[in-house]
């Protein structure tokens, strides 16, 4: 059963073109100014809309968002770009943070940037899994790094790194704060950066 479509409201900016490839010739544009949304994950079970509280609910024709730790405080921030040469906007994460460790992975047998690596951290009996696949979106690409939030834990009990070649490294008692560089084939933990 198909829903019945209503009349096109041209005053609201609605239009209909049967062939989307004709849009440029017809002068039609899908750009729209809609408020951005930001949702917070609640323990992996639900999300809460934090758009207004975060200040990220700007009314812009935003198309690109990159999550990364831009101010090196361990928390993911957001860089948002808009269509038509609008300004880049940086939203710094001001949420209260627990302990967090940034992992910079360096492959040797695998690719140098370690893309495709899986990290499994065991912290206080729970597992945190991260795959290194930098997000590539419209007009932006994410940083090639992983960030692990571990709450109040002082250490990561076990850190398993599965490289794209199939090589597996296991590290124990990893500090749960700061920044660490892990190199493929090195079985000891380097000093924090």
N, C-alpha and C. Protein backbone atom coordinates (compact mmCIF):
# COMPACT_ATOMS: atom_id res chain seq x y z
N UNK A 1 0.85 -1.17 0.00
CA UNK A 1 0.00 0.00 0.00
C UNK A 1 0.90 1.24 0.00
N UNK A 2 0.68 2.13 -0.92
CA UNK A 2 1.47 3.35 -1.04
C UNK A 2 0.72 4.52 -0.43
N UNK A 3 1.43 5.39 0.28
CA UNK A 3 0.75 6.57 0.84
C UNK A 3 0.34 7.52 -0.28
N UNK A 4 -0.68 8.26 -0.04
CA UNK A 4 -1.15 9.24 -1.00
C UNK A 4 -0.35 10.52 -0.78
N UNK A 5 0.26 11.02 -1.85
CA UNK A 5 1.04 12.25 -1.75
C UNK A 5 0.13 13.45 -1.81
N UNK A 6 0.45 14.47 -1.00
CA UNK A 6 -0.33 15.70 -1.02
C UNK A 6 0.12 16.62 -2.13
N UNK A 7 -0.49 17.77 -2.20
CA UNK A 7 -0.13 18.77 -3.21
C UNK A 7 1.24 19.36 -2.87
N UNK A 8 1.98 19.73 -3.89
CA UNK A 8 3.28 20.36 -3.71
C UNK A 8 3.07 21.79 -3.21
N UNK A 9 3.72 22.14 -2.09
CA UNK A 9 3.60 23.48 -1.51
C UNK A 9 4.82 24.29 -1.94
N UNK A 10 4.69 25.01 -3.04
CA UNK A 10 5.81 25.77 -3.59
C UNK A 10 6.26 26.90 -2.68
N UNK A 11 5.33 27.47 -1.90
CA UNK A 11 5.70 28.53 -0.96
C UNK A 11 6.62 28.00 0.14
N UNK A 12 6.52 26.73 0.47
CA UNK A 12 7.38 26.12 1.48
C UNK A 12 8.67 25.58 0.87
N UNK A 13 8.86 25.80 -0.43
CA UNK A 13 10.09 25.36 -1.09
C UNK A 13 10.01 23.95 -1.64
N UNK A 14 8.82 23.34 -1.63
CA UNK A 14 8.68 21.99 -2.17
C UNK A 14 8.61 22.05 -3.69
N UNK A 15 9.10 21.01 -4.32
CA UNK A 15 9.00 20.90 -5.77
C UNK A 15 9.00 19.43 -6.15
N UNK A 16 8.64 19.16 -7.39
CA UNK A 16 8.63 17.78 -7.89
C UNK A 16 9.26 17.76 -9.27
N UNK A 17 10.24 16.88 -9.42
CA UNK A 17 10.85 16.65 -10.73
C UNK A 17 10.91 15.14 -10.89
N UNK A 18 10.33 14.65 -11.96
CA UNK A 18 10.29 13.21 -12.18
C UNK A 18 11.67 12.60 -12.38
N UNK A 19 12.58 13.32 -13.02
CA UNK A 19 13.92 12.83 -13.28
C UNK A 19 14.92 13.70 -12.51
N UNK A 20 15.55 13.17 -11.44
CA UNK A 20 16.45 14.00 -10.63
C UNK A 20 17.67 14.51 -11.40
N UNK A 21 18.03 13.86 -12.52
CA UNK A 21 19.17 14.32 -13.31
C UNK A 21 18.86 15.63 -14.05
N UNK A 22 17.59 16.00 -14.10
CA UNK A 22 17.20 17.25 -14.74
C UNK A 22 17.19 18.43 -13.76
N UNK A 23 17.48 18.18 -12.50
CA UNK A 23 17.41 19.24 -11.49
C UNK A 23 18.28 20.45 -11.82
N UNK A 24 19.56 20.27 -12.21
CA UNK A 24 20.37 21.47 -12.51
C UNK A 24 19.79 22.30 -13.65
N UNK A 25 19.29 21.62 -14.69
CA UNK A 25 18.72 22.35 -15.84
C UNK A 25 17.46 23.10 -15.44
N UNK A 26 16.69 22.52 -14.51
CA UNK A 26 15.44 23.14 -14.07
C UNK A 26 15.68 24.22 -13.00
N UNK A 27 16.93 24.30 -12.50
CA UNK A 27 17.23 25.27 -11.45
C UNK A 27 16.78 24.82 -10.08
N UNK A 28 16.48 23.55 -9.93
CA UNK A 28 16.03 23.02 -8.64
C UNK A 28 17.24 22.74 -7.76
N UNK A 29 17.07 22.87 -6.47
CA UNK A 29 18.16 22.72 -5.53
C UNK A 29 17.64 22.02 -4.28
N UNK A 30 18.38 21.06 -3.77
CA UNK A 30 17.96 20.36 -2.56
C UNK A 30 18.48 21.01 -1.29
N UNK A 31 19.20 22.11 -1.43
CA UNK A 31 19.71 22.79 -0.24
C UNK A 31 18.54 23.29 0.59
N UNK A 32 18.68 23.10 1.89
CA UNK A 32 17.64 23.55 2.80
C UNK A 32 18.29 23.92 4.12
N UNK A 33 17.74 24.92 4.75
CA UNK A 33 18.27 25.34 6.04
C UNK A 33 17.44 24.67 7.13
N UNK A 34 18.01 23.63 7.68
CA UNK A 34 17.36 22.88 8.75
C UNK A 34 18.29 22.89 9.95
N UNK A 35 17.72 22.89 11.13
CA UNK A 35 18.53 22.90 12.35
C UNK A 35 19.32 21.60 12.46
N UNK A 36 20.60 21.73 12.81
CA UNK A 36 21.43 20.55 13.04
C UNK A 36 20.99 19.85 14.31
N UNK A 37 21.29 18.57 14.38
CA UNK A 37 20.93 17.76 15.54
C UNK A 37 22.16 17.11 16.13
N UNK A 38 22.19 16.99 17.46
CA UNK A 38 23.25 16.28 18.17
C UNK A 38 22.59 15.39 19.20
N UNK A 39 22.91 14.10 19.15
CA UNK A 39 22.33 13.14 20.07
C UNK A 39 23.43 12.53 20.93
N UNK A 40 23.16 12.35 22.22
CA UNK A 40 24.09 11.71 23.14
C UNK A 40 23.65 10.27 23.37
N UNK A 41 24.62 9.37 23.34
CA UNK A 41 24.38 7.96 23.59
C UNK A 41 24.25 7.73 25.09
N UNK A 42 23.21 7.05 25.51
CA UNK A 42 22.99 6.74 26.92
C UNK A 42 23.31 5.27 27.17
N UNK A 43 24.56 4.99 27.51
CA UNK A 43 25.00 3.63 27.85
C UNK A 43 24.68 2.59 26.79
N UNK A 44 24.65 2.99 25.54
CA UNK A 44 24.41 2.04 24.46
C UNK A 44 22.98 1.56 24.36
N UNK A 45 22.06 2.15 25.11
CA UNK A 45 20.68 1.68 25.10
C UNK A 45 19.69 2.68 24.53
N UNK A 46 20.05 3.95 24.51
CA UNK A 46 19.12 4.97 24.04
C UNK A 46 19.91 6.23 23.68
N UNK A 47 19.21 7.21 23.12
CA UNK A 47 19.82 8.49 22.78
C UNK A 47 18.95 9.61 23.33
N UNK A 48 19.60 10.72 23.66
CA UNK A 48 18.86 11.90 24.10
C UNK A 48 19.26 13.05 23.17
N UNK A 49 18.28 13.85 22.78
CA UNK A 49 18.53 14.99 21.89
C UNK A 49 19.16 16.12 22.71
N UNK A 50 20.44 16.39 22.44
CA UNK A 50 21.17 17.44 23.15
C UNK A 50 21.47 18.61 22.22
N UNK A 51 20.70 18.76 21.16
CA UNK A 51 20.97 19.77 20.14
C UNK A 51 21.00 21.17 20.71
N UNK A 52 19.95 21.56 21.41
CA UNK A 52 19.86 22.92 21.93
C UNK A 52 20.91 23.17 23.01
N UNK A 53 21.04 22.24 23.94
CA UNK A 53 21.98 22.41 25.06
C UNK A 53 23.42 22.51 24.58
N UNK A 54 23.74 21.85 23.47
CA UNK A 54 25.12 21.85 22.96
C UNK A 54 25.46 23.10 22.17
N UNK A 55 24.45 23.80 21.68
CA UNK A 55 24.69 24.94 20.81
C UNK A 55 24.93 24.54 19.37
N UNK A 56 24.90 23.23 19.09
CA UNK A 56 25.16 22.75 17.72
C UNK A 56 23.92 22.82 16.84
N UNK A 57 22.80 23.28 17.37
CA UNK A 57 21.56 23.31 16.58
C UNK A 57 21.45 24.57 15.74
N UNK A 58 22.54 24.93 15.07
CA UNK A 58 22.54 26.12 14.22
C UNK A 58 21.63 25.90 13.02
N UNK A 59 21.08 26.97 12.52
CA UNK A 59 20.22 26.93 11.34
C UNK A 59 21.10 27.23 10.13
N UNK A 60 21.59 26.17 9.48
CA UNK A 60 22.51 26.35 8.36
C UNK A 60 22.34 25.20 7.38
N UNK A 61 22.89 25.37 6.23
CA UNK A 61 22.86 24.32 5.22
C UNK A 61 24.10 23.45 5.39
N UNK A 62 24.20 22.82 6.55
CA UNK A 62 25.37 22.01 6.90
C UNK A 62 25.37 20.70 6.13
N UNK A 63 26.53 20.31 5.64
CA UNK A 63 26.65 19.07 4.87
C UNK A 63 27.77 18.20 5.36
N UNK A 64 28.72 18.75 6.08
CA UNK A 64 29.91 18.00 6.45
C UNK A 64 30.13 18.10 7.95
N UNK A 65 30.42 16.96 8.57
CA UNK A 65 30.78 16.96 9.98
C UNK A 65 31.93 15.98 10.17
N UNK A 66 32.94 16.43 10.90
CA UNK A 66 34.10 15.60 11.21
C UNK A 66 34.23 15.57 12.72
N UNK A 67 34.27 14.38 13.29
CA UNK A 67 34.50 14.22 14.73
C UNK A 67 35.97 13.95 14.95
N UNK A 68 36.57 14.69 15.85
CA UNK A 68 37.98 14.51 16.17
C UNK A 68 38.35 15.34 17.39
N UNK A 69 39.44 15.03 18.00
CA UNK A 69 39.91 15.74 19.19
C UNK A 69 40.74 16.93 18.75
N UNK A 70 40.09 18.03 18.42
CA UNK A 70 40.76 19.18 17.83
C UNK A 70 41.58 19.99 18.84
N UNK A 71 41.22 19.95 20.11
CA UNK A 71 41.97 20.71 21.10
C UNK A 71 42.81 19.81 22.02
N UNK A 72 42.98 18.55 21.65
CA UNK A 72 43.86 17.59 22.34
C UNK A 72 43.56 17.45 23.83
N UNK A 73 42.27 17.48 24.19
CA UNK A 73 41.90 17.25 25.59
C UNK A 73 41.34 15.85 25.82
N UNK A 74 41.34 15.01 24.76
CA UNK A 74 40.87 13.64 24.89
C UNK A 74 39.40 13.45 24.54
N UNK A 75 38.65 14.52 24.39
CA UNK A 75 37.21 14.42 24.10
C UNK A 75 36.96 14.73 22.63
N UNK A 76 36.05 13.98 21.97
CA UNK A 76 35.76 14.26 20.57
C UNK A 76 35.00 15.56 20.39
N UNK A 77 35.48 16.40 19.49
CA UNK A 77 34.84 17.66 19.13
C UNK A 77 34.24 17.50 17.74
N UNK A 78 33.48 18.49 17.29
CA UNK A 78 32.85 18.43 15.97
C UNK A 78 33.24 19.64 15.14
N UNK A 79 33.64 19.39 13.90
CA UNK A 79 33.91 20.45 12.93
C UNK A 79 32.82 20.33 11.87
N UNK A 80 32.04 21.39 11.68
CA UNK A 80 30.87 21.36 10.79
C UNK A 80 31.09 22.36 9.65
N UNK A 81 30.90 21.89 8.42
CA UNK A 81 31.00 22.74 7.24
C UNK A 81 29.66 22.86 6.56
N UNK A 82 29.44 23.99 5.91
CA UNK A 82 28.17 24.24 5.23
C UNK A 82 28.41 24.44 3.75
N UNK A 83 27.34 24.29 2.99
CA UNK A 83 27.38 24.44 1.53
C UNK A 83 27.50 25.91 1.17
N UNK A 84 28.07 26.17 0.03
CA UNK A 84 28.10 27.53 -0.50
C UNK A 84 29.15 28.42 0.13
N UNK A 85 30.19 27.83 0.70
CA UNK A 85 31.26 28.64 1.25
C UNK A 85 30.96 29.22 2.61
N UNK A 86 29.96 28.68 3.29
CA UNK A 86 29.67 29.14 4.64
C UNK A 86 30.84 28.86 5.56
N UNK A 87 30.82 29.42 6.76
CA UNK A 87 31.95 29.25 7.67
C UNK A 87 32.05 27.83 8.19
N UNK A 88 33.29 27.42 8.48
CA UNK A 88 33.51 26.20 9.24
C UNK A 88 33.24 26.54 10.69
N UNK A 89 32.56 25.65 11.38
CA UNK A 89 32.26 25.89 12.79
C UNK A 89 32.84 24.75 13.61
N UNK A 90 33.54 25.10 14.67
CA UNK A 90 34.13 24.11 15.56
C UNK A 90 33.35 24.11 16.87
N UNK A 91 32.79 22.95 17.20
CA UNK A 91 32.05 22.79 18.45
C UNK A 91 32.92 21.97 19.40
N UNK A 92 33.48 22.64 20.40
CA UNK A 92 34.34 21.96 21.37
C UNK A 92 33.47 21.21 22.37
N UNK A 93 33.88 20.01 22.69
CA UNK A 93 33.15 19.15 23.63
C UNK A 93 33.40 19.65 25.05
N UNK A 94 32.35 20.10 25.69
CA UNK A 94 32.43 20.61 27.06
C UNK A 94 31.74 19.69 28.06
N UNK A 95 31.36 18.49 27.60
CA UNK A 95 30.70 17.54 28.49
C UNK A 95 31.70 17.03 29.53
N UNK A 96 31.23 16.76 30.74
CA UNK A 96 32.14 16.18 31.74
C UNK A 96 32.67 14.85 31.22
N UNK A 97 33.95 14.63 31.36
CA UNK A 97 34.60 13.45 30.81
C UNK A 97 35.17 12.59 31.92
N UNK A 98 35.12 11.28 31.70
CA UNK A 98 35.86 10.36 32.55
C UNK A 98 37.25 10.21 31.95
N UNK A 99 37.94 9.17 32.32
CA UNK A 99 39.27 8.92 31.75
C UNK A 99 39.13 8.49 30.30
N UNK A 100 40.10 8.91 29.51
CA UNK A 100 40.05 8.67 28.08
C UNK A 100 41.48 8.52 27.59
N UNK A 101 41.69 7.56 26.70
CA UNK A 101 43.01 7.37 26.11
C UNK A 101 42.89 7.45 24.59
N UNK A 102 43.84 8.14 23.98
CA UNK A 102 43.89 8.24 22.52
C UNK A 102 44.96 7.28 22.04
N UNK A 103 44.61 6.46 21.06
CA UNK A 103 45.54 5.50 20.49
C UNK A 103 45.93 5.91 19.09
N UNK A 104 47.22 6.08 18.87
CA UNK A 104 47.76 6.32 17.54
C UNK A 104 48.42 5.02 17.11
N UNK A 105 47.87 4.36 16.11
CA UNK A 105 48.38 3.06 15.66
C UNK A 105 49.26 3.25 14.44
N UNK A 106 50.37 2.52 14.40
CA UNK A 106 51.31 2.58 13.27
C UNK A 106 51.59 1.16 12.79
N UNK A 107 51.18 0.87 11.57
CA UNK A 107 51.39 -0.45 10.99
C UNK A 107 52.78 -0.58 10.39
N UNK A 108 53.25 -1.83 10.32
CA UNK A 108 54.51 -2.11 9.61
C UNK A 108 54.22 -3.15 8.53
N UNK A 109 53.82 -4.38 8.91
CA UNK A 109 53.41 -5.37 7.92
C UNK A 109 52.07 -4.96 7.30
N UNK A 110 51.20 -4.37 8.11
CA UNK A 110 49.93 -3.85 7.61
C UNK A 110 50.20 -2.49 6.98
N UNK A 111 49.16 -1.81 6.57
CA UNK A 111 49.34 -0.47 6.03
C UNK A 111 49.82 0.48 7.13
N UNK A 112 50.61 1.44 6.76
CA UNK A 112 51.26 2.34 7.71
C UNK A 112 50.27 3.05 8.62
N UNK A 113 49.11 3.43 8.09
CA UNK A 113 48.13 4.15 8.89
C UNK A 113 47.25 3.23 9.72
N UNK A 114 47.44 1.92 9.57
CA UNK A 114 46.73 0.91 10.36
C UNK A 114 45.23 0.89 10.11
N UNK A 115 44.79 1.38 8.97
CA UNK A 115 43.36 1.38 8.67
C UNK A 115 42.88 -0.06 8.55
N UNK A 116 41.79 -0.36 9.24
CA UNK A 116 41.26 -1.71 9.29
C UNK A 116 41.62 -2.46 10.55
N UNK A 117 42.35 -1.82 11.45
CA UNK A 117 42.74 -2.45 12.70
C UNK A 117 41.57 -2.44 13.68
N UNK A 118 41.43 -3.53 14.43
CA UNK A 118 40.41 -3.62 15.48
C UNK A 118 41.10 -3.64 16.83
N UNK A 119 40.60 -2.82 17.75
CA UNK A 119 41.12 -2.76 19.11
C UNK A 119 40.00 -3.21 20.05
N UNK A 120 40.33 -4.16 20.93
CA UNK A 120 39.38 -4.62 21.94
C UNK A 120 40.01 -4.35 23.30
N UNK A 121 39.39 -3.47 24.07
CA UNK A 121 39.88 -3.12 25.40
C UNK A 121 38.99 -3.77 26.44
N UNK A 122 39.60 -4.43 27.41
CA UNK A 122 38.86 -5.00 28.54
C UNK A 122 39.13 -4.10 29.75
N UNK A 123 38.06 -3.51 30.27
CA UNK A 123 38.15 -2.57 31.38
C UNK A 123 37.11 -2.94 32.42
N UNK A 124 37.57 -3.28 33.60
CA UNK A 124 36.65 -3.63 34.71
C UNK A 124 35.59 -4.64 34.29
N UNK A 125 36.00 -5.65 33.52
CA UNK A 125 35.10 -6.73 33.14
C UNK A 125 34.23 -6.45 31.92
N UNK A 126 34.31 -5.29 31.33
CA UNK A 126 33.52 -5.01 30.12
C UNK A 126 34.46 -4.78 28.95
N UNK A 127 33.93 -5.01 27.75
CA UNK A 127 34.75 -4.85 26.54
C UNK A 127 34.31 -3.60 25.78
N UNK A 128 35.31 -2.91 25.25
CA UNK A 128 35.09 -1.76 24.38
C UNK A 128 35.78 -2.11 23.06
N UNK A 129 35.03 -2.07 21.97
CA UNK A 129 35.56 -2.45 20.65
C UNK A 129 35.57 -1.21 19.76
N UNK A 130 36.71 -0.97 19.12
CA UNK A 130 36.83 0.12 18.16
C UNK A 130 37.54 -0.39 16.92
N UNK A 131 37.03 -0.02 15.76
CA UNK A 131 37.66 -0.33 14.47
C UNK A 131 38.18 0.97 13.89
N UNK A 132 39.38 0.93 13.34
CA UNK A 132 39.98 2.13 12.76
C UNK A 132 39.62 2.22 11.28
N UNK A 133 38.54 2.94 11.04
CA UNK A 133 38.09 3.27 9.69
C UNK A 133 37.72 4.75 9.73
N UNK A 134 38.64 5.65 9.38
CA UNK A 134 38.32 7.07 9.45
C UNK A 134 37.09 7.37 8.59
N UNK A 135 36.16 8.09 9.20
CA UNK A 135 34.92 8.41 8.49
C UNK A 135 35.19 9.40 7.37
N UNK A 136 34.69 9.10 6.19
CA UNK A 136 34.77 10.00 5.05
C UNK A 136 33.35 10.37 4.66
N UNK A 137 33.06 11.64 4.78
CA UNK A 137 31.73 12.10 4.44
C UNK A 137 31.80 13.14 3.35
N UNK A 138 30.73 13.86 3.19
CA UNK A 138 30.67 14.93 2.20
C UNK A 138 31.62 16.04 2.63
N UNK A 139 32.62 16.31 1.83
CA UNK A 139 33.56 17.41 2.05
C UNK A 139 34.38 17.27 3.34
N UNK A 140 34.63 16.07 3.82
CA UNK A 140 35.42 15.95 5.03
C UNK A 140 35.85 14.52 5.31
N UNK A 141 36.93 14.39 6.06
CA UNK A 141 37.43 13.08 6.47
C UNK A 141 37.89 13.17 7.91
N UNK A 142 37.62 12.11 8.67
CA UNK A 142 37.99 12.08 10.08
C UNK A 142 39.46 11.76 10.28
N UNK A 143 39.97 12.04 11.47
CA UNK A 143 41.37 11.75 11.77
C UNK A 143 41.60 10.25 11.90
N UNK A 144 42.84 9.83 11.66
CA UNK A 144 43.20 8.42 11.73
C UNK A 144 43.73 8.15 13.14
N UNK A 145 42.81 8.04 14.07
CA UNK A 145 43.14 7.75 15.46
C UNK A 145 41.92 7.18 16.15
N UNK A 146 42.15 6.52 17.27
CA UNK A 146 41.06 5.96 18.06
C UNK A 146 41.04 6.61 19.43
N UNK A 147 39.87 6.74 19.97
CA UNK A 147 39.72 7.28 21.31
C UNK A 147 38.86 6.31 22.11
N UNK A 148 39.31 5.99 23.32
CA UNK A 148 38.57 5.08 24.19
C UNK A 148 38.19 5.80 25.47
N UNK A 149 36.91 5.90 25.76
CA UNK A 149 36.46 6.43 27.04
C UNK A 149 36.28 5.26 28.01
N UNK A 150 36.91 5.36 29.17
CA UNK A 150 36.90 4.23 30.11
C UNK A 150 36.30 4.60 31.47
N UNK A 151 35.57 5.73 31.53
CA UNK A 151 34.94 6.12 32.79
C UNK A 151 35.97 6.45 33.86
N UNK A 152 35.79 5.89 35.03
CA UNK A 152 36.70 6.19 36.15
C UNK A 152 37.86 5.20 36.25
N UNK A 153 37.95 4.24 35.35
CA UNK A 153 39.03 3.25 35.40
C UNK A 153 40.38 3.93 35.26
N UNK A 154 41.36 3.48 36.02
CA UNK A 154 42.72 4.03 35.97
C UNK A 154 43.58 3.31 34.94
N UNK A 155 43.16 2.08 34.56
CA UNK A 155 43.95 1.33 33.59
C UNK A 155 43.03 0.46 32.74
N UNK A 156 43.54 0.10 31.59
CA UNK A 156 42.87 -0.87 30.72
C UNK A 156 43.52 -2.21 31.05
N UNK A 157 42.72 -3.16 31.53
CA UNK A 157 43.26 -4.44 31.98
C UNK A 157 43.96 -5.17 30.84
N UNK A 158 43.30 -5.23 29.70
CA UNK A 158 43.88 -5.91 28.54
C UNK A 158 43.50 -5.15 27.28
N UNK A 159 44.48 -4.93 26.42
CA UNK A 159 44.25 -4.25 25.16
C UNK A 159 44.73 -5.16 24.05
N UNK A 160 43.78 -5.62 23.23
CA UNK A 160 44.11 -6.51 22.11
C UNK A 160 44.02 -5.70 20.83
N UNK A 161 45.08 -5.74 20.03
CA UNK A 161 45.15 -5.02 18.76
C UNK A 161 45.25 -6.05 17.65
N UNK A 162 44.21 -6.12 16.81
CA UNK A 162 44.20 -7.03 15.65
C UNK A 162 44.46 -6.22 14.40
N UNK A 163 45.66 -6.41 13.85
CA UNK A 163 46.08 -5.66 12.67
C UNK A 163 45.44 -6.26 11.41
N UNK A 164 45.33 -5.50 10.33
CA UNK A 164 44.72 -6.00 9.09
C UNK A 164 45.39 -7.26 8.53
N UNK A 165 46.67 -7.49 8.84
CA UNK A 165 47.36 -8.69 8.36
C UNK A 165 46.93 -9.94 9.12
N UNK A 166 46.24 -9.75 10.24
CA UNK A 166 45.89 -10.88 11.11
C UNK A 166 46.78 -10.96 12.33
N UNK A 167 47.88 -10.21 12.35
CA UNK A 167 48.74 -10.16 13.53
C UNK A 167 47.94 -9.65 14.72
N UNK A 168 48.18 -10.23 15.89
CA UNK A 168 47.49 -9.82 17.11
C UNK A 168 48.52 -9.47 18.17
N UNK A 169 48.35 -8.31 18.78
CA UNK A 169 49.18 -7.91 19.91
C UNK A 169 48.29 -7.82 21.13
N UNK A 170 48.80 -8.22 22.28
CA UNK A 170 48.06 -8.08 23.53
C UNK A 170 48.93 -7.35 24.53
N UNK A 171 48.37 -6.29 25.07
CA UNK A 171 49.07 -5.49 26.07
C UNK A 171 48.23 -5.50 27.34
N UNK A 172 48.88 -5.47 28.49
CA UNK A 172 48.15 -5.49 29.76
C UNK A 172 48.52 -4.26 30.58
N UNK A 173 47.62 -3.92 31.49
CA UNK A 173 47.80 -2.78 32.40
C UNK A 173 48.21 -1.51 31.66
N UNK A 174 47.40 -1.15 30.68
CA UNK A 174 47.65 0.03 29.86
C UNK A 174 47.08 1.25 30.59
N UNK A 175 47.86 2.33 30.73
CA UNK A 175 47.33 3.54 31.36
C UNK A 175 46.07 4.03 30.64
N UNK A 176 45.08 4.47 31.42
CA UNK A 176 43.78 4.84 30.86
C UNK A 176 43.64 6.33 30.61
N UNK A 177 44.73 7.03 30.54
CA UNK A 177 44.68 8.46 30.23
C UNK A 177 45.82 8.81 29.28
N UNK A 178 45.68 9.92 28.60
CA UNK A 178 46.75 10.40 27.73
C UNK A 178 46.69 9.84 26.33
N UNK A 179 47.85 9.80 25.72
CA UNK A 179 47.98 9.39 24.32
C UNK A 179 49.07 8.34 24.21
N UNK A 180 48.77 7.26 23.49
CA UNK A 180 49.74 6.19 23.30
C UNK A 180 49.91 5.90 21.82
N UNK A 181 51.14 5.64 21.42
CA UNK A 181 51.40 5.18 20.06
C UNK A 181 51.73 3.70 20.14
N UNK A 182 51.01 2.90 19.39
CA UNK A 182 51.25 1.45 19.37
C UNK A 182 51.71 1.08 17.97
N UNK A 183 52.87 0.45 17.92
CA UNK A 183 53.44 0.04 16.64
C UNK A 183 53.27 -1.47 16.47
N UNK A 184 52.89 -1.86 15.26
CA UNK A 184 52.74 -3.27 14.93
C UNK A 184 54.06 -3.98 15.16
N UNK A 185 53.99 -5.17 15.71
CA UNK A 185 55.14 -6.04 15.97
C UNK A 185 55.92 -5.66 17.22
N UNK A 186 55.62 -4.56 17.87
CA UNK A 186 56.29 -4.23 19.13
C UNK A 186 55.42 -4.74 20.27
N UNK A 187 55.94 -5.66 21.05
CA UNK A 187 55.13 -6.31 22.08
C UNK A 187 55.11 -5.56 23.40
N UNK A 188 55.93 -4.54 23.55
CA UNK A 188 55.91 -3.78 24.80
C UNK A 188 55.17 -2.47 24.58
N UNK A 189 54.70 -1.93 25.64
CA UNK A 189 53.94 -0.69 25.59
C UNK A 189 54.90 0.48 25.61
N UNK A 190 54.80 1.40 24.65
CA UNK A 190 55.69 2.56 24.65
C UNK A 190 55.29 3.53 25.75
N UNK A 191 56.16 4.47 26.04
CA UNK A 191 55.85 5.51 26.99
C UNK A 191 54.75 6.40 26.43
N UNK A 192 53.85 6.89 27.28
CA UNK A 192 52.79 7.79 26.79
C UNK A 192 53.39 9.02 26.13
N UNK A 193 52.72 9.51 25.09
CA UNK A 193 53.18 10.70 24.36
C UNK A 193 52.71 11.96 25.06
